[in-house]
Amino acid sequence: MKITYPIRINKYLATLNYSTRKGADELIKKGLVFINDKKALLGDQVQKNDKVLVKKDINQKELVYYAYNKKIGISTNKDSKSKSILDVTKFPTKVFPIGRLDKDSHGLIILTNDGRVTDKLLSPRFKHEKEYVVKVEPNFSDKFMELMSNGVHFDGYLSKKCKVTRKNKNTFFITLTEGKKRQIRRMAEALHHKVLDLKRIRIMNILLGNTKEGEYRVIDGAELKIFLESLNIINRK
């Protein structure tokens, strides 16, 4: 990771994925950040050979990560027309969903209170895998699979190459590293097929598994370690 010096202390900690910039400012205000053994102040600059130390905040909120199985008809985020995940499911602590899964689709969505995850997971420059199982009509041919995997033109956009494998005559698995709005549905429609069911079953190494609809499980242990390391985020647990 390339850092250009001098760099503001909050940006430095954010670049190292220790915290968000706002979170770094809070740590500085609490006197927990030191530059060359001196307490850092808001706006301080870090030079290349400076020693930066962050002491543990005993009052720091516990970071949590959940794998949730969203039902069809439930929105990822609040809107005026339908209930959201946070409307229908109660979590032990305040969390927010990372990314979206349209109301007509179901399956895996990650919820957390760790703001560092958002850009690292969603930005297309990182190319993280998301896997779906998709049922369409009419039944599709091998040519359909070839066209889907090599990129499809829709609404003036050409989708990136992706992995597509057949499950049966009308259902396939697809793994994307991008996330245009309703992308799989638009890709299928461009090839004259209608999506009947779309379920996300994996985000990076996080699997939906046997989690029931409308329920969630905690992401922790080795699974969490791999997930955060893949995002280049420091695990504070």
Protein backbone atom coordinates (compact mmCIF):
# COMPACT_ATOMS: atom_id res chain seq x y z
CA MET A 1 0.00 0.00 0.00
CA LYS A 2 1.61 3.27 -1.14
CA ILE A 3 1.37 6.26 1.21
CA THR A 4 2.41 9.76 0.16
CA TYR A 5 4.03 11.71 3.01
CA PRO A 6 3.39 13.95 4.81
CA ILE A 7 -0.14 12.73 5.51
CA ARG A 8 -2.79 13.81 8.01
CA ILE A 9 -2.99 11.44 10.95
CA ASN A 10 -6.67 10.58 10.41
CA LYS A 11 -6.08 9.81 6.74
CA TYR A 12 -3.01 7.76 7.71
CA LEU A 13 -5.03 5.53 10.05
CA ALA A 14 -7.83 5.23 7.49
CA THR A 15 -5.35 4.29 4.75
CA LEU A 16 -4.01 1.54 6.98
CA ASN A 17 -7.63 0.45 7.49
CA TYR A 18 -7.35 0.84 11.24
CA SER A 19 -10.46 3.00 11.29
CA THR A 20 -12.49 5.45 9.24
CA ARG A 21 -11.26 9.07 9.24
CA LYS A 22 -14.11 10.01 11.57
CA GLY A 23 -13.20 7.11 13.84
CA ALA A 24 -9.56 8.20 13.84
CA ASP A 25 -10.58 11.72 14.89
CA GLU A 26 -12.49 10.25 17.83
CA LEU A 27 -9.45 8.25 18.91
CA ILE A 28 -7.30 11.39 18.67
CA LYS A 29 -9.78 13.38 20.76
CA LYS A 30 -9.62 10.67 23.42
CA GLY A 31 -5.83 10.93 23.54
CA LEU A 32 -5.26 7.39 22.30
CA VAL A 33 -3.11 8.19 19.25
CA PHE A 34 0.60 8.96 19.59
CA ILE A 35 3.15 10.19 17.07
CA ASN A 36 6.73 9.64 18.21
CA ASP A 37 5.47 9.06 21.79
CA LYS A 38 3.59 12.38 21.86
CA LYS A 39 -0.21 12.58 21.87
CA ALA A 40 -1.46 13.41 18.41
CA LEU A 41 -3.69 16.40 17.80
CA LEU A 42 -6.39 16.77 15.17
CA GLY A 43 -4.74 17.77 11.90
CA ASP A 44 -1.25 16.53 12.83
CA GLN A 45 0.90 15.33 9.95
CA VAL A 46 2.72 12.01 9.83
CA GLN A 47 6.16 11.93 8.24
CA LYS A 48 7.67 8.85 6.62
CA ASN A 49 9.87 7.81 9.54
CA ASP A 50 7.42 8.73 12.31
CA LYS A 51 6.34 6.11 14.83
CA VAL A 52 2.54 5.97 15.20
CA LEU A 53 0.90 4.14 18.09
CA VAL A 54 -2.80 3.66 18.82
CA LYS A 55 -3.69 2.58 22.35
CA LYS A 56 -6.71 0.37 22.89
CA ASP A 57 -9.94 2.19 23.70
CA ILE A 58 -11.63 0.21 26.46
CA ASN A 59 -14.91 1.92 25.56
CA GLN A 60 -14.58 1.25 21.84
CA LYS A 61 -17.72 -0.30 20.41
CA GLU A 62 -17.65 -3.98 19.63
CA LEU A 63 -17.55 -4.60 15.89
CA VAL A 64 -20.07 -7.16 14.68
CA TYR A 65 -20.68 -8.86 11.35
CA TYR A 66 -23.80 -10.79 10.36
CA ALA A 67 -24.73 -12.96 7.37
CA TYR A 68 -28.46 -12.43 6.78
CA ASN A 69 -30.88 -14.30 4.51
CA LYS A 70 -33.20 -11.67 3.02
CA LYS A 71 -36.71 -12.64 1.96
CA ILE A 72 -38.32 -11.62 -1.32
CA GLY A 73 -40.37 -8.45 -0.85
CA ILE A 74 -38.06 -6.96 1.77
CA SER A 75 -35.88 -3.98 0.83
CA THR A 76 -32.23 -3.78 1.70
CA ASN A 77 -32.60 -0.16 2.78
CA LYS A 78 -35.55 1.88 3.99
CA ASP A 79 -37.86 3.34 1.37
CA SER A 80 -41.46 4.53 1.32
CA LYS A 81 -42.94 1.51 -0.45
CA SER A 82 -41.79 -1.56 1.45
CA LYS A 83 -40.38 -2.74 4.73
CA SER A 84 -36.62 -3.03 5.09
CA ILE A 85 -34.42 -5.63 6.77
CA LEU A 86 -34.11 -3.39 9.83
CA ASP A 87 -37.90 -3.03 9.99
CA VAL A 88 -38.56 -6.77 10.13
CA THR A 89 -35.49 -8.14 11.96
CA LYS A 90 -34.08 -7.05 15.31
CA PHE A 91 -30.33 -7.25 15.84
CA PRO A 92 -28.47 -7.16 19.18
CA THR A 93 -26.69 -3.95 18.18
CA LYS A 94 -27.16 -1.19 15.64
CA VAL A 95 -25.97 -2.35 12.20
CA PHE A 96 -26.44 -1.43 8.56
CA PRO A 97 -26.52 -3.52 5.35
CA ILE A 98 -23.52 -3.48 3.02
CA GLY A 99 -24.67 -3.12 -0.56
CA ARG A 100 -28.05 -3.96 -1.98
CA LEU A 101 -30.17 -6.89 -3.06
CA ASP A 102 -33.30 -5.81 -4.92
CA LYS A 103 -36.74 -6.40 -3.42
CA ASP A 104 -37.57 -9.17 -5.90
CA SER A 105 -34.42 -11.13 -5.03
CA HIS A 106 -33.46 -13.03 -1.91
CA GLY A 107 -30.43 -14.47 -0.19
CA LEU A 108 -27.23 -13.24 1.40
CA ILE A 109 -26.63 -9.71 2.61
CA ILE A 110 -23.93 -8.71 5.10
CA LEU A 111 -24.80 -6.35 7.95
CA THR A 112 -22.24 -4.72 10.24
CA ASN A 113 -21.43 -1.65 12.32
CA ASP A 114 -17.91 -1.50 10.85
CA GLY A 115 -17.84 1.47 8.49
CA ARG A 116 -14.48 0.40 7.09
CA VAL A 117 -16.13 -2.46 5.20
CA THR A 118 -18.40 -0.37 2.95
CA ASP A 119 -15.96 0.98 0.35
CA LYS A 120 -13.64 -2.01 0.53
CA LEU A 121 -16.46 -4.41 -0.30
CA LEU A 122 -18.52 -2.34 -2.73
CA SER A 123 -15.97 -0.45 -4.82
CA PRO A 124 -15.70 -2.10 -8.28
CA ARG A 125 -11.94 -1.55 -8.30
CA PHE A 126 -11.51 -4.41 -5.80
CA LYS A 127 -13.38 -7.03 -7.89
CA HIS A 128 -14.78 -9.12 -5.03
CA GLU A 129 -16.81 -12.18 -6.02
CA LYS A 130 -20.56 -12.49 -5.44
CA GLU A 131 -22.30 -15.72 -6.44
CA TYR A 132 -25.96 -16.22 -7.33
CA VAL A 133 -28.26 -19.06 -8.37
CA VAL A 134 -30.72 -17.94 -11.05
CA LYS A 135 -33.84 -19.56 -12.54
CA VAL A 136 -35.08 -18.27 -15.92
CA GLU A 137 -37.62 -18.91 -18.60
CA PRO A 138 -37.56 -20.21 -21.26
CA ASN A 139 -34.99 -23.01 -20.77
CA PHE A 140 -31.55 -21.88 -21.89
CA SER A 141 -28.95 -23.28 -24.24
CA ASP A 142 -25.18 -23.63 -23.92
CA LYS A 143 -24.95 -20.59 -26.21
CA PHE A 144 -26.86 -18.56 -23.62
CA MET A 145 -24.29 -19.56 -20.99
CA GLU A 146 -21.45 -18.63 -23.31
CA LEU A 147 -22.95 -15.21 -24.04
CA MET A 148 -23.64 -14.52 -20.34
CA SER A 149 -20.09 -15.43 -19.35
CA ASN A 150 -18.38 -13.40 -22.09
CA GLY A 151 -20.23 -10.14 -21.39
CA VAL A 152 -23.68 -8.86 -22.31
CA HIS A 153 -24.64 -5.48 -23.77
CA PHE A 154 -27.54 -3.86 -21.90
CA ASP A 155 -28.56 -0.21 -21.71
CA GLY A 156 -25.34 0.93 -23.36
CA TYR A 157 -23.13 -1.08 -21.00
CA LEU A 158 -21.06 -4.22 -21.61
CA SER A 159 -20.87 -6.45 -18.53
CA LYS A 160 -17.51 -7.90 -17.53
CA LYS A 161 -16.65 -11.52 -18.19
CA CYS A 162 -17.91 -13.80 -15.43
CA LYS A 163 -18.25 -17.44 -14.44
CA VAL A 164 -21.50 -19.19 -15.43
CA THR A 165 -22.25 -22.88 -14.79
CA ARG A 166 -25.41 -24.87 -15.43
CA LYS A 167 -27.45 -26.40 -12.58
CA ASN A 168 -30.25 -27.78 -14.77
CA LYS A 169 -32.24 -26.88 -17.88
CA ASN A 170 -33.50 -23.54 -16.52
CA THR A 171 -31.20 -22.71 -13.58
CA PHE A 172 -27.58 -21.60 -13.49
CA PHE A 173 -24.93 -20.31 -11.10
CA ILE A 174 -23.26 -16.99 -11.90
CA THR A 175 -20.33 -15.27 -10.16
CA LEU A 176 -19.92 -11.52 -10.67
CA THR A 177 -17.19 -9.10 -9.65
CA GLU A 178 -19.30 -6.03 -10.39
CA GLY A 179 -22.68 -4.86 -9.20
CA LYS A 180 -24.78 -2.79 -11.57
CA LYS A 181 -28.37 -2.26 -10.47
CA ARG A 182 -30.48 -5.36 -11.26
CA GLN A 183 -27.58 -6.51 -13.43
CA ILE A 184 -28.34 -10.21 -13.77
CA ARG A 185 -31.97 -9.53 -14.64
CA ARG A 186 -30.92 -6.99 -17.28
CA MET A 187 -28.31 -9.36 -18.72
CA ALA A 188 -30.86 -12.17 -19.01
CA GLU A 189 -33.48 -9.87 -20.54
CA ALA A 190 -30.97 -8.73 -23.16
CA LEU A 191 -30.68 -12.39 -24.17
CA HIS A 192 -34.48 -12.80 -24.27
CA HIS A 193 -34.88 -14.64 -20.96
CA LYS A 194 -36.91 -13.66 -17.91
CA VAL A 195 -35.56 -14.20 -14.40
CA LEU A 196 -38.05 -16.15 -12.29
CA ASP A 197 -35.91 -16.45 -9.17
CA LEU A 198 -32.61 -14.90 -8.11
CA LYS A 199 -30.81 -15.85 -4.92
CA ARG A 200 -27.39 -14.68 -3.71
CA ILE A 201 -25.53 -17.51 -2.02
CA ARG A 202 -22.01 -16.15 -1.51
CA ILE A 203 -20.10 -12.90 -0.98
CA MET A 204 -16.34 -13.53 -1.16
CA ASN A 205 -15.76 -16.34 1.40
CA ILE A 206 -19.05 -15.72 3.25
CA LEU A 207 -21.62 -18.42 2.42
CA LEU A 208 -25.36 -18.23 2.96
CA GLY A 209 -25.34 -21.90 3.89
CA ASN A 210 -28.32 -23.16 5.89
CA THR A 211 -29.34 -19.78 7.32
CA LYS A 212 -33.14 -19.61 7.15
CA GLU A 213 -34.99 -16.77 5.43
CA GLY A 214 -35.40 -13.77 7.68
CA GLU A 215 -32.68 -15.00 10.03
CA TYR A 216 -28.97 -14.31 10.44
CA ARG A 217 -25.80 -15.81 11.82
CA VAL A 218 -22.70 -14.23 13.30
CA ILE A 219 -19.59 -14.08 11.11
CA ASP A 220 -16.61 -14.77 13.36
CA GLY A 221 -13.52 -16.93 13.86
CA ALA A 222 -11.53 -18.04 10.83
CA GLU A 223 -14.34 -16.99 8.48
CA LEU A 224 -14.17 -13.39 9.74
CA LYS A 225 -10.37 -13.40 9.69
CA ILE A 226 -10.27 -14.44 6.02
CA PHE A 227 -13.01 -11.94 5.11
CA LEU A 228 -11.28 -8.94 6.73
CA GLU A 229 -7.83 -9.91 5.50
CA SER A 230 -9.20 -10.17 1.95
CA LEU A 231 -10.49 -6.60 2.36
CA ASN A 232 -7.12 -5.55 3.82
CA ILE A 233 -8.83 -4.49 7.04
CA ILE A 234 -7.31 -4.87 10.51
CA ASN A 235 -9.33 -7.24 12.68
CA ARG A 236 -9.87 -5.44 15.99
CA LYS A 237 -11.47 -8.45 17.70
